[in-house]
Amino acid sequence: AFLNDVGENMPFLIDKNITIKPANNEKNATLSVNSAGIILGANVRFENITLDFGNRYHDAIFANGYTLDLINVNRNKGAREIDLFAGGLYVSPGNPVHPSGNKGVINVETNGDFGGGILESKFGNIYAGSMNGEFNGTAEINLSQKDKSKKLEIGAIKASGALEADAGNMLDT
């Protein structure tokens, strides 16, 4: 499946409680994300999904004060590492992309066969805050590696948010 670019370096908004998983009992499916990340406006669960983020500007998922469950989720080989934020994203000071909830929860779990010989779940940094602005809610980050043969790898866990990368600088991470 594909999430097309919504334009103006904006993330794709998911504003309904939903579970995204493979159809027809497949072990794994790929979700290609061409928009500048994903931002939540509801609770979302990804299960047995390979994520392929093509937009380097916001290669992140913003829980935005909602619950984000990533169960047996990995990234496509060669794709950018995906950062995770309990908070949201601001387009300018005081101007959030979407109103946030008040409790950002990020659950990352490996618990079985990813399918297709995939043995790892790898993400970038996990942030308790927002990008380019404040997050006034609470943050909860849970990592669980139930199947030790499946590798769970993350960058760092930050108690803060992050500044936005310079879109014109390919080397600015």
C-alpha atoms as a PDB file:
ATOM      1  CA  ALA A   1       0.000   0.000   0.000  1.00  0.00           C
ATOM      2  CA  PHE A   2       1.060   3.609  -0.535  1.00  0.00           C
ATOM      3  CA  LEU A   3       0.527   6.848   1.377  1.00  0.00           C
ATOM      4  CA  ASN A   4       0.956   9.564  -1.215  1.00  0.00           C
ATOM      5  CA  ASP A   5       2.645  12.883  -0.551  1.00  0.00           C
ATOM      6  CA  VAL A   6       0.103  15.365   0.828  1.00  0.00           C
ATOM      7  CA  GLY A   7       2.340  18.293  -0.194  1.00  0.00           C
ATOM      8  CA  GLU A   8       4.109  21.175   1.526  1.00  0.00           C
ATOM      9  CA  ASN A   9       6.264  18.798   3.623  1.00  0.00           C
ATOM     10  CA  MET A  10       3.238  17.828   5.702  1.00  0.00           C
ATOM     11  CA  PRO A  11       2.716  14.409   7.303  1.00  0.00           C
ATOM     12  CA  PHE A  12      -0.144  12.088   6.453  1.00  0.00           C
ATOM     13  CA  LEU A  13      -2.868  12.383   9.115  1.00  0.00           C
ATOM     14  CA  ILE A  14      -4.552   9.242  10.474  1.00  0.00           C
ATOM     15  CA  ASP A  15      -7.510  10.513  12.494  1.00  0.00           C
ATOM     16  CA  LYS A  16      -9.485   7.321  13.130  1.00  0.00           C
ATOM     17  CA  ASN A  17      -8.764   4.473  15.566  1.00  0.00           C
ATOM     18  CA  ILE A  18      -7.431   1.814  13.222  1.00  0.00           C
ATOM     19  CA  THR A  19      -5.266  -1.309  12.956  1.00  0.00           C
ATOM     20  CA  ILE A  20      -3.084  -1.529   9.853  1.00  0.00           C
ATOM     21  CA  LYS A  21      -2.010  -5.096   9.075  1.00  0.00           C
ATOM     22  CA  PRO A  22      -1.564  -7.426   6.084  1.00  0.00           C
ATOM     23  CA  ALA A  23      -4.629  -8.705   4.271  1.00  0.00           C
ATOM     24  CA  ASN A  24      -5.555 -12.357   3.800  1.00  0.00           C
ATOM     25  CA  ASN A  25      -3.510 -13.615   6.782  1.00  0.00           C
ATOM     26  CA  GLU A  26      -0.207 -12.747   5.085  1.00  0.00           C
ATOM     27  CA  LYS A  27       2.785 -12.647   7.449  1.00  0.00           C
ATOM     28  CA  ASN A  28       3.996  -9.220   6.306  1.00  0.00           C
ATOM     29  CA  ALA A  29       3.044  -6.330   4.023  1.00  0.00           C
ATOM     30  CA  THR A  30       4.856  -3.158   2.970  1.00  0.00           C
ATOM     31  CA  LEU A  31       3.507   0.341   3.508  1.00  0.00           C
ATOM     32  CA  SER A  32       5.358   2.908   1.396  1.00  0.00           C
ATOM     33  CA  VAL A  33       5.081   6.402   2.857  1.00  0.00           C
ATOM     34  CA  ASN A  34       5.780   9.239   0.416  1.00  0.00           C
ATOM     35  CA  SER A  35       4.347  11.983   2.614  1.00  0.00           C
ATOM     36  CA  ALA A  36       6.550  13.794   5.144  1.00  0.00           C
ATOM     37  CA  GLY A  37       5.873  11.282   7.911  1.00  0.00           C
ATOM     38  CA  ILE A  38       2.694  10.214   9.665  1.00  0.00           C
ATOM     39  CA  ILE A  39       0.861  12.107  12.427  1.00  0.00           C
ATOM     40  CA  LEU A  40      -1.903  10.626  14.550  1.00  0.00           C
ATOM     41  CA  GLY A  41      -5.227  12.151  15.462  1.00  0.00           C
ATOM     42  CA  ALA A  42      -6.427   8.864  17.012  1.00  0.00           C
ATOM     43  CA  ASN A  43      -5.009   5.592  18.360  1.00  0.00           C
ATOM     44  CA  VAL A  44      -3.252   3.545  15.646  1.00  0.00           C
ATOM     45  CA  ARG A  45      -1.806   0.039  15.612  1.00  0.00           C
ATOM     46  CA  PHE A  46       0.603  -1.229  12.937  1.00  0.00           C
ATOM     47  CA  GLU A  47       1.032  -5.005  12.958  1.00  0.00           C
ATOM     48  CA  ASN A  48       3.373  -7.134  10.792  1.00  0.00           C
ATOM     49  CA  ILE A  49       4.161  -4.181   8.533  1.00  0.00           C
ATOM     50  CA  THR A  50       7.361  -3.185   6.734  1.00  0.00           C
ATOM     51  CA  LEU A  51       7.559   0.605   6.548  1.00  0.00           C
ATOM     52  CA  ASP A  52       9.334   2.323   3.668  1.00  0.00           C
ATOM     53  CA  PHE A  53       9.627   6.083   4.234  1.00  0.00           C
ATOM     54  CA  GLY A  54      10.705   7.868   1.069  1.00  0.00           C
ATOM     55  CA  ASN A  55      10.483  11.494   2.218  1.00  0.00           C
ATOM     56  CA  ARG A  56      13.667  12.536   4.035  1.00  0.00           C
ATOM     57  CA  TYR A  57      12.166  15.678   5.559  1.00  0.00           C
ATOM     58  CA  HIS A  58       9.973  14.075   8.226  1.00  0.00           C
ATOM     59  CA  ASP A  59      10.884  10.418   8.303  1.00  0.00           C
ATOM     60  CA  ALA A  60       8.955  10.036  11.543  1.00  0.00           C
ATOM     61  CA  ILE A  61       5.710   8.934  13.135  1.00  0.00           C
ATOM     62  CA  PHE A  62       4.188  11.474  15.525  1.00  0.00           C
ATOM     63  CA  ALA A  63       1.897   9.818  18.098  1.00  0.00           C
ATOM     64  CA  ASN A  64       0.699  13.365  18.832  1.00  0.00           C
ATOM     65  CA  GLY A  65      -0.665  12.527  22.268  1.00  0.00           C
ATOM     66  CA  TYR A  66      -2.358   9.289  21.156  1.00  0.00           C
ATOM     67  CA  THR A  67      -1.354   5.619  21.343  1.00  0.00           C
ATOM     68  CA  LEU A  68       0.939   4.220  18.657  1.00  0.00           C
ATOM     69  CA  ASP A  69       1.409   0.439  18.693  1.00  0.00           C
ATOM     70  CA  LEU A  70       4.152  -0.997  16.477  1.00  0.00           C
ATOM     71  CA  ILE A  71       3.892  -4.791  16.688  1.00  0.00           C
ATOM     72  CA  ASN A  72       6.399  -6.709  14.547  1.00  0.00           C
ATOM     73  CA  VAL A  73       7.077  -3.591  12.498  1.00  0.00           C
ATOM     74  CA  ASN A  74      10.320  -3.047  10.636  1.00  0.00           C
ATOM     75  CA  ARG A  75      11.719  -0.786   7.974  1.00  0.00           C
ATOM     76  CA  ASN A  76      12.559  -1.742   4.448  1.00  0.00           C
ATOM     77  CA  LYS A  77      16.261  -2.400   3.857  1.00  0.00           C
ATOM     78  CA  GLY A  78      17.891   0.762   2.593  1.00  0.00           C
ATOM     79  CA  ALA A  79      15.005   2.946   3.772  1.00  0.00           C
ATOM     80  CA  ARG A  80      15.557   5.763   6.239  1.00  0.00           C
ATOM     81  CA  GLU A  81      15.391   5.020   9.944  1.00  0.00           C
ATOM     82  CA  ILE A  82      12.060   6.138  11.351  1.00  0.00           C
ATOM     83  CA  ASP A  83      12.031   8.390  14.401  1.00  0.00           C
ATOM     84  CA  LEU A  84       9.104   8.161  16.811  1.00  0.00           C
ATOM     85  CA  PHE A  85       7.587  11.078  18.763  1.00  0.00           C
ATOM     86  CA  ALA A  86       5.080  10.850  21.631  1.00  0.00           C
ATOM     87  CA  GLY A  87       4.265  14.496  20.868  1.00  0.00           C
ATOM     88  CA  GLY A  88       3.385  16.192  17.609  1.00  0.00           C
ATOM     89  CA  LEU A  89       4.778  18.495  14.937  1.00  0.00           C
ATOM     90  CA  TYR A  90       4.638  22.269  14.654  1.00  0.00           C
ATOM     91  CA  VAL A  91       4.756  24.107  11.324  1.00  0.00           C
ATOM     92  CA  SER A  92       5.552  27.374  13.127  1.00  0.00           C
ATOM     93  CA  PRO A  93       5.751  28.432  16.798  1.00  0.00           C
ATOM     94  CA  GLY A  94       2.361  27.826  18.431  1.00  0.00           C
ATOM     95  CA  ASN A  95       0.925  26.327  15.231  1.00  0.00           C
ATOM     96  CA  PRO A  96       0.622  22.506  15.471  1.00  0.00           C
ATOM     97  CA  VAL A  97      -0.079  20.421  12.391  1.00  0.00           C
ATOM     98  CA  HIS A  98      -3.012  18.804  14.225  1.00  0.00           C
ATOM     99  CA  PRO A  99      -4.390  19.264  17.761  1.00  0.00           C
ATOM    100  CA  SER A 100      -2.809  16.726  20.089  1.00  0.00           C
ATOM    101  CA  GLY A 101      -4.202  14.316  22.627  1.00  0.00           C
ATOM    102  CA  ASN A 102      -2.908  14.480  26.180  1.00  0.00           C
ATOM    103  CA  LYS A 103      -1.085  11.137  26.593  1.00  0.00           C
ATOM    104  CA  GLY A 104       1.412  10.033  23.968  1.00  0.00           C
ATOM    105  CA  VAL A 105       2.051   6.297  24.241  1.00  0.00           C
ATOM    106  CA  ILE A 106       4.535   4.459  22.026  1.00  0.00           C
ATOM    107  CA  ASN A 107       4.543   0.655  22.246  1.00  0.00           C
ATOM    108  CA  VAL A 108       7.179  -1.197  20.196  1.00  0.00           C
ATOM    109  CA  GLU A 109       7.028  -4.976  20.387  1.00  0.00           C
ATOM    110  CA  THR A 110       8.661  -7.898  18.608  1.00  0.00           C
ATOM    111  CA  ASN A 111       6.847 -11.124  19.336  1.00  0.00           C
ATOM    112  CA  GLY A 112       7.098 -13.502  16.422  1.00  0.00           C
ATOM    113  CA  ASP A 113       7.767 -14.097  12.761  1.00  0.00           C
ATOM    114  CA  PHE A 114       8.107 -10.949  10.668  1.00  0.00           C
ATOM    115  CA  GLY A 115       7.788 -13.006   7.503  1.00  0.00           C
ATOM    116  CA  GLY A 116      10.040 -12.943   4.480  1.00  0.00           C
ATOM    117  CA  GLY A 117      13.150 -13.811   6.502  1.00  0.00           C
ATOM    118  CA  ILE A 118      13.125 -10.440   8.288  1.00  0.00           C
ATOM    119  CA  LEU A 119      14.773 -10.770  11.685  1.00  0.00           C
ATOM    120  CA  GLU A 120      14.854  -7.247  13.057  1.00  0.00           C
ATOM    121  CA  SER A 121      12.771  -4.255  13.993  1.00  0.00           C
ATOM    122  CA  LYS A 122      14.888  -1.103  13.677  1.00  0.00           C
ATOM    123  CA  PHE A 123      13.946   2.492  14.430  1.00  0.00           C
ATOM    124  CA  GLY A 124      15.792   5.768  14.877  1.00  0.00           C
ATOM    125  CA  ASN A 125      15.400   7.867  18.006  1.00  0.00           C
ATOM    126  CA  ILE A 126      12.315   7.885  20.207  1.00  0.00           C
ATOM    127  CA  TYR A 127      11.305  11.306  21.609  1.00  0.00           C
ATOM    128  CA  ALA A 128       8.950  11.966  24.527  1.00  0.00           C
ATOM    129  CA  GLY A 129       8.214  15.451  23.157  1.00  0.00           C
ATOM    130  CA  SER A 130       7.307  17.131  19.867  1.00  0.00           C
ATOM    131  CA  MET A 131       9.221  18.460  16.884  1.00  0.00           C
ATOM    132  CA  ASN A 132       9.608  22.248  16.785  1.00  0.00           C
ATOM    133  CA  GLY A 133       7.257  22.871  19.704  1.00  0.00           C
ATOM    134  CA  GLU A 134       5.998  21.872  23.088  1.00  0.00           C
ATOM    135  CA  PHE A 135       4.055  18.836  24.194  1.00  0.00           C
ATOM    136  CA  ASN A 136       2.069  19.437  27.380  1.00  0.00           C
ATOM    137  CA  GLY A 137       0.770  15.887  27.760  1.00  0.00           C
ATOM    138  CA  THR A 138       2.415  12.886  29.342  1.00  0.00           C
ATOM    139  CA  ALA A 139       4.593  10.417  27.465  1.00  0.00           C
ATOM    140  CA  GLU A 140       4.952   6.679  27.891  1.00  0.00           C
ATOM    141  CA  ILE A 141       7.429   4.577  25.918  1.00  0.00           C
ATOM    142  CA  ASN A 142       7.324   0.759  26.124  1.00  0.00           C
ATOM    143  CA  LEU A 143       9.776  -1.564  24.366  1.00  0.00           C
ATOM    144  CA  SER A 144       9.235  -5.327  24.418  1.00  0.00           C
ATOM    145  CA  GLN A 145      11.312  -8.039  22.780  1.00  0.00           C
ATOM    146  CA  LYS A 146       9.279 -11.174  23.499  1.00  0.00           C
ATOM    147  CA  ASP A 147      11.029 -13.325  20.901  1.00  0.00           C
ATOM    148  CA  LYS A 148      14.800 -13.030  21.524  1.00  0.00           C
ATOM    149  CA  SER A 149      15.572 -14.390  18.052  1.00  0.00           C
ATOM    150  CA  LYS A 150      14.041 -11.206  16.603  1.00  0.00           C
ATOM    151  CA  LYS A 151      16.222  -8.158  17.071  1.00  0.00           C
ATOM    152  CA  LEU A 152      14.752  -4.886  18.375  1.00  0.00           C
ATOM    153  CA  GLU A 153      17.082  -1.974  17.700  1.00  0.00           C
ATOM    154  CA  ILE A 154      16.516   1.729  18.380  1.00  0.00           C
ATOM    155  CA  GLY A 155      18.710   4.819  18.342  1.00  0.00           C
ATOM    156  CA  ALA A 156      18.294   6.711  21.616  1.00  0.00           C
ATOM    157  CA  ILE A 157      15.365   7.536  23.858  1.00  0.00           C
ATOM    158  CA  LYS A 158      15.147  11.292  24.449  1.00  0.00           C
ATOM    159  CA  ALA A 159      13.105  12.904  27.229  1.00  0.00           C
ATOM    160  CA  SER A 160      12.768  15.987  25.024  1.00  0.00           C
ATOM    161  CA  GLY A 161      11.570  16.782  21.535  1.00  0.00           C
ATOM    162  CA  ALA A 162      13.695  17.674  18.518  1.00  0.00           C
ATOM    163  CA  LEU A 163      14.319  20.487  16.092  1.00  0.00           C
ATOM    164  CA  GLU A 164      13.453  20.051  12.441  1.00  0.00           C
ATOM    165  CA  ALA A 165      16.191  19.179   9.957  1.00  0.00           C
ATOM    166  CA  ASP A 166      17.163  21.671   7.271  1.00  0.00           C
ATOM    167  CA  ALA A 167      15.198  20.518   4.218  1.00  0.00           C
ATOM    168  CA  GLY A 168      17.837  21.954   1.871  1.00  0.00           C
ATOM    169  CA  ASN A 169      20.738  20.079   3.465  1.00  0.00           C
ATOM    170  CA  MET A 170      20.903  16.403   2.470  1.00  0.00           C
ATOM    171  CA  LEU A 171      23.454  15.699   5.225  1.00  0.00           C
ATOM    172  CA  ASP A 172      21.478  17.284   8.093  1.00  0.00           C
ATOM    173  CA  THR A 173      19.878  14.452  10.072  1.00  0.00           C
END
